[in-house]
Amino acid sequence: MKKYFNDPRPITLRYTCDCAECGTILKKGMSAYYWPADGKLYCPSCGESEYRQFLSTAADEAVYQGIGNPFAGGAKLNFLICPATPGIFLCLSPSNDLFVLQTSIFLI
């Protein structure tokens, strides 16, 4: 995923401040979410869902642009054929993600 200057990010606080949403005091050394576009800091409970939504949207955009698709870069997959069900393949990616593929093409 390509990163931009104004992308929100988790940070470790160097100064004491408060959450922009709920007003909770965030002490030095705590984790928080920083949104550079508007310069606001959010505590983990307020910022987590918005940050995850941002990551999900950015990942979708990367896939749409063809740079985030795990199959576009020629990722090596390990295929396992299910002998009981012809046309079903179990694929294991390098990061151990399991995919199930179904095809109507059979190799003999």
Protein backbone atom coordinates (compact mmCIF):
# COMPACT_ATOMS: atom_id res chain seq x y z
CA MET A 1 0.00 0.00 0.00
CA LYS A 2 1.42 3.36 -1.01
CA LYS A 3 1.69 5.87 1.83
CA TYR A 4 1.06 9.58 1.54
CA PHE A 5 2.04 12.53 3.72
CA ASN A 6 -1.46 13.13 5.12
CA ASP A 7 -2.31 9.49 5.82
CA PRO A 8 -3.40 8.89 9.43
CA ARG A 9 -1.03 6.80 11.47
CA PRO A 10 -0.54 5.36 14.94
CA ILE A 11 2.10 7.18 16.97
CA THR A 12 3.70 7.08 20.41
CA LEU A 13 3.15 10.42 22.14
CA ARG A 14 6.12 12.57 23.07
CA TYR A 15 3.96 15.06 24.98
CA THR A 16 0.86 14.96 27.14
CA CYS A 17 -2.28 16.03 25.25
CA ASP A 18 -5.97 15.16 25.03
CA CYS A 19 -8.15 13.22 22.61
CA ALA A 20 -9.89 15.41 20.04
CA GLU A 21 -13.12 13.42 20.35
CA CYS A 22 -13.66 12.41 23.98
CA GLY A 23 -11.18 14.71 25.77
CA THR A 24 -9.34 11.88 27.56
CA ILE A 25 -5.88 12.95 28.72
CA LEU A 26 -3.22 11.10 26.77
CA LYS A 27 0.09 10.92 28.62
CA LYS A 28 3.58 10.89 27.18
CA GLY A 29 4.52 7.39 25.93
CA MET A 30 0.94 6.29 25.21
CA SER A 31 -0.24 5.18 21.78
CA ALA A 32 -2.60 7.40 19.83
CA TYR A 33 -3.82 7.93 16.28
CA TYR A 34 -2.65 11.05 14.47
CA TRP A 35 -4.58 12.53 11.55
CA PRO A 36 -2.19 15.03 9.92
CA ALA A 37 -4.78 16.49 7.53
CA ASP A 38 -6.58 18.19 10.42
CA GLY A 39 -3.81 17.89 13.06
CA LYS A 40 -5.92 15.94 15.53
CA LEU A 41 -4.96 13.15 17.94
CA TYR A 42 -7.34 10.42 19.02
CA CYS A 43 -7.09 7.96 21.89
CA PRO A 44 -7.00 4.24 20.99
CA SER A 45 -10.69 3.74 21.76
CA CYS A 46 -11.85 6.69 19.61
CA GLY A 47 -9.35 6.39 16.78
CA GLU A 48 -9.14 2.61 16.26
CA SER A 49 -12.32 2.16 14.22
CA GLU A 50 -11.66 5.20 12.01
CA TYR A 51 -8.06 4.13 11.44
CA ARG A 52 -9.10 0.58 10.50
CA GLN A 53 -11.70 2.01 8.11
CA PHE A 54 -8.98 4.13 6.50
CA LEU A 55 -6.70 1.07 6.11
CA SER A 56 -9.53 -0.92 4.56
CA THR A 57 -10.34 1.85 2.09
CA ALA A 58 -6.66 2.31 1.18
CA ALA A 59 -6.26 -1.45 0.61
CA ASP A 60 -9.36 -1.51 -1.62
CA GLU A 61 -7.98 1.40 -3.61
CA ALA A 62 -4.62 -0.35 -4.02
CA VAL A 63 -6.34 -3.48 -5.33
CA TYR A 64 -8.42 -1.37 -7.70
CA GLN A 65 -5.23 0.26 -9.04
CA GLY A 66 -3.58 -3.14 -9.44
CA ILE A 67 -0.81 -2.53 -6.92
CA GLY A 68 -2.36 -4.23 -3.90
CA ASN A 69 -3.57 -7.45 -5.47
CA PRO A 70 -1.59 -10.41 -4.07
CA PHE A 71 -1.89 -12.23 -7.42
CA ALA A 72 -0.81 -9.28 -9.61
CA GLY A 73 2.82 -9.31 -8.49
CA GLY A 74 3.31 -12.95 -9.37
CA ALA A 75 3.14 -14.10 -5.76
CA LYS A 76 4.14 -17.74 -5.48
CA LEU A 77 1.28 -19.91 -4.29
CA ASN A 78 1.40 -23.53 -3.26
CA PHE A 79 -1.49 -25.48 -4.80
CA LEU A 80 -2.97 -28.55 -3.21
CA ILE A 81 -5.45 -30.59 -5.24
CA CYS A 82 -8.43 -32.04 -3.42
CA PRO A 83 -8.70 -35.59 -4.80
CA ALA A 84 -12.24 -36.03 -3.49
CA THR A 85 -13.52 -32.91 -5.27
CA PRO A 86 -12.23 -32.40 -8.81
CA GLY A 87 -11.80 -28.76 -9.77
CA ILE A 88 -11.20 -27.52 -6.22
CA PHE A 89 -7.74 -26.28 -5.33
CA LEU A 90 -6.46 -25.16 -1.95
CA CYS A 91 -3.86 -22.41 -2.36
CA LEU A 92 -1.41 -21.42 0.35
CA SER A 93 0.26 -18.04 -0.10
CA PRO A 94 3.76 -17.20 1.20
CA SER A 95 2.18 -15.49 4.20
CA ASN A 96 0.19 -18.69 4.92
CA ASP A 97 -3.17 -17.29 3.84
CA LEU A 98 -5.47 -20.06 2.62
CA PHE A 99 -7.51 -19.56 -0.54
CA VAL A 100 -10.00 -21.95 -2.11
CA LEU A 101 -10.23 -21.84 -5.89
CA GLN A 102 -12.81 -23.58 -8.00
CA THR A 103 -12.27 -24.19 -11.69
CA SER A 104 -13.98 -26.05 -14.47
CA ILE A 105 -10.70 -26.77 -16.27
CA PHE A 106 -9.23 -30.16 -15.47
CA LEU A 107 -5.72 -31.26 -16.20
CA ILE A 108 -5.29 -34.94 -16.90
